[in-house]
Amino acid sequence: MTALSCIHHVGIVVESVEASATWYVEHLGFDRLFIFGWSGVQAAFIGRGALKLELFQNKEAAPMAATRRRAETNLKIGGINHFAIEVPYLDATVAALAATGVAVVSPPREVPNSGGSRFAFIHDNEQMLIELYQPA
């Protein structure tokens, strides 16, 4: 078997590719890489360094359930429930994002039994959970 090395990208179904791409560009410093699509679907690849997101807008997609938007109920649903972005300075990053209007869902706190790693959660423009992670 060929060795696996890293996650290449995360695919996210959104209500608006344009609105979501703009949010990630303006708030998290992503770049627009390319757009594509097929019948009924618009898609865009955006990235920041090695982290890539593939955004899909499908007119037939159901909206995200309210339970997916809340951290306390999201863990009760099967499947991927968030993605994490590593940051060097968690407190400063959270403060800067909050100052631009980004919703902070869970303030910075330590990961139990991690030796000092810390995390916080924010919402993107469609209230999807994103973890900000500062390794010990």
Protein backbone atom coordinates (compact mmCIF):
# COMPACT_ATOMS: atom_id res chain seq x y z
CA MET A 1 0.00 0.00 0.00
CA THR A 2 1.24 3.48 -0.82
CA ALA A 3 2.03 5.64 2.22
CA LEU A 4 -0.51 8.28 3.22
CA SER A 5 1.02 11.62 4.12
CA CYS A 6 -1.59 14.26 4.96
CA ILE A 7 -5.11 15.48 4.36
CA HIS A 8 -5.13 17.29 1.02
CA HIS A 9 -8.41 19.18 1.43
CA VAL A 10 -11.75 19.26 3.20
CA GLY A 11 -14.98 19.46 1.20
CA ILE A 12 -17.79 21.63 2.57
CA VAL A 13 -21.32 22.04 1.22
CA VAL A 14 -22.33 25.69 1.59
CA GLU A 15 -25.37 27.78 0.74
CA SER A 16 -23.28 30.25 -1.28
CA VAL A 17 -19.84 29.54 -2.72
CA GLU A 18 -19.23 33.23 -3.27
CA ALA A 19 -20.24 34.30 0.26
CA SER A 20 -18.25 31.50 1.91
CA ALA A 21 -15.13 32.02 -0.24
CA THR A 22 -15.26 35.73 0.55
CA TRP A 23 -15.59 35.03 4.30
CA TYR A 24 -12.56 32.69 4.33
CA VAL A 25 -10.51 35.16 2.26
CA GLU A 26 -11.41 38.18 4.41
CA HIS A 27 -11.31 36.60 7.88
CA LEU A 28 -8.82 33.72 7.65
CA GLY A 29 -6.51 34.88 4.86
CA PHE A 30 -7.32 32.16 2.31
CA ASP A 31 -6.64 32.63 -1.39
CA ARG A 32 -9.05 31.78 -4.19
CA LEU A 33 -7.35 29.00 -6.17
CA PHE A 34 -9.86 27.99 -8.85
CA ILE A 35 -13.57 27.54 -9.57
CA PHE A 36 -15.44 24.84 -11.42
CA GLY A 37 -18.80 23.14 -11.48
CA TRP A 38 -21.27 20.96 -13.32
CA SER A 39 -25.03 20.91 -13.77
CA GLY A 40 -26.61 22.38 -10.62
CA VAL A 41 -23.32 22.62 -8.71
CA GLN A 42 -20.86 25.49 -8.29
CA ALA A 43 -17.55 24.76 -6.63
CA ALA A 44 -14.40 26.58 -5.61
CA PHE A 45 -11.03 25.60 -4.22
CA ILE A 46 -9.57 28.00 -1.69
CA GLY A 47 -6.38 27.62 0.29
CA ARG A 48 -3.95 29.00 2.79
CA GLY A 49 -0.60 27.27 2.74
CA ALA A 50 -1.10 23.52 2.87
CA LEU A 51 -4.73 23.83 4.04
CA LYS A 52 -7.20 23.59 1.16
CA LEU A 53 -11.00 23.76 1.26
CA GLU A 54 -13.33 22.71 -1.54
CA LEU A 55 -16.62 24.59 -1.32
CA PHE A 56 -19.73 23.18 -3.02
CA GLN A 57 -23.01 24.97 -3.67
CA ASN A 58 -25.72 22.55 -4.76
CA LYS A 59 -29.26 23.79 -5.30
CA GLU A 60 -30.56 20.42 -4.10
CA ALA A 61 -28.59 20.34 -0.83
CA ALA A 62 -30.48 20.48 2.45
CA PRO A 63 -29.42 23.26 4.82
CA MET A 64 -27.18 22.40 7.75
CA ALA A 65 -29.21 21.12 10.71
CA ALA A 66 -29.38 23.41 13.75
CA THR A 67 -27.83 20.65 15.89
CA ARG A 68 -24.70 20.78 13.68
CA ARG A 69 -24.25 24.48 14.45
CA ARG A 70 -24.00 24.05 18.23
CA ALA A 71 -20.84 22.60 19.77
CA GLU A 72 -22.75 20.88 22.56
CA THR A 73 -25.01 18.94 20.16
CA ASN A 74 -22.62 18.53 17.22
CA LEU A 75 -20.75 15.70 18.99
CA LYS A 76 -23.98 13.69 19.11
CA ILE A 77 -24.10 13.41 15.30
CA GLY A 78 -22.07 10.91 13.33
CA GLY A 79 -19.57 12.03 10.71
CA ILE A 80 -17.02 14.80 10.58
CA ASN A 81 -18.13 17.64 12.82
CA HIS A 82 -15.38 20.26 12.39
CA PHE A 83 -11.91 20.88 11.04
CA ALA A 84 -9.03 22.44 12.92
CA ILE A 85 -6.52 25.08 11.88
CA GLU A 86 -3.22 25.30 13.73
CA VAL A 87 -2.31 28.76 14.99
CA PRO A 88 0.86 29.91 16.80
CA TYR A 89 -0.86 32.40 19.14
CA LEU A 90 -4.39 31.30 20.07
CA ASP A 91 -5.40 34.22 22.28
CA ALA A 92 -4.25 36.85 19.80
CA THR A 93 -5.89 35.02 16.88
CA VAL A 94 -9.23 34.70 18.68
CA ALA A 95 -9.13 38.36 19.77
CA ALA A 96 -8.33 39.55 16.24
CA LEU A 97 -11.12 37.45 14.71
CA ALA A 98 -13.64 38.57 17.33
CA ALA A 99 -12.72 42.20 16.58
CA THR A 100 -13.77 41.63 12.94
CA GLY A 101 -17.13 40.18 13.98
CA VAL A 102 -16.30 36.47 13.83
CA ALA A 103 -18.45 34.51 16.30
CA VAL A 104 -16.38 32.87 19.03
CA VAL A 105 -18.28 29.73 20.05
CA SER A 106 -15.86 28.46 22.69
CA PRO A 107 -13.13 30.69 24.17
CA PRO A 108 -9.53 29.47 24.45
CA ARG A 109 -8.91 26.67 26.89
CA GLU A 110 -6.46 23.85 27.47
CA VAL A 111 -6.84 20.40 25.93
CA PRO A 112 -6.99 17.96 28.87
CA ASN A 113 -3.89 15.76 29.31
CA SER A 114 -2.14 17.42 26.35
CA GLY A 115 0.84 19.00 28.05
CA GLY A 116 -0.39 22.53 27.33
CA SER A 117 -2.05 22.44 23.91
CA ARG A 118 -4.99 24.85 23.68
CA PHE A 119 -8.03 25.30 21.47
CA ALA A 120 -11.03 27.50 20.75
CA PHE A 121 -13.97 27.23 18.36
CA ILE A 122 -15.37 29.82 15.98
CA HIS A 123 -18.21 29.81 13.46
CA ASP A 124 -17.74 30.59 9.80
CA ASN A 125 -20.31 32.64 7.87
CA GLU A 126 -22.67 29.63 7.70
CA GLN A 127 -22.16 28.70 11.38
CA MET A 128 -19.96 25.69 10.69
CA LEU A 129 -17.62 24.93 13.58
CA ILE A 130 -13.91 25.60 13.05
CA GLU A 131 -11.37 24.76 15.75
CA LEU A 132 -8.32 26.96 16.23
CA TYR A 133 -5.54 24.83 17.76
CA GLN A 134 -2.29 25.91 19.42
CA PRO A 135 0.06 22.98 20.08
CA ALA A 136 1.99 22.86 23.36
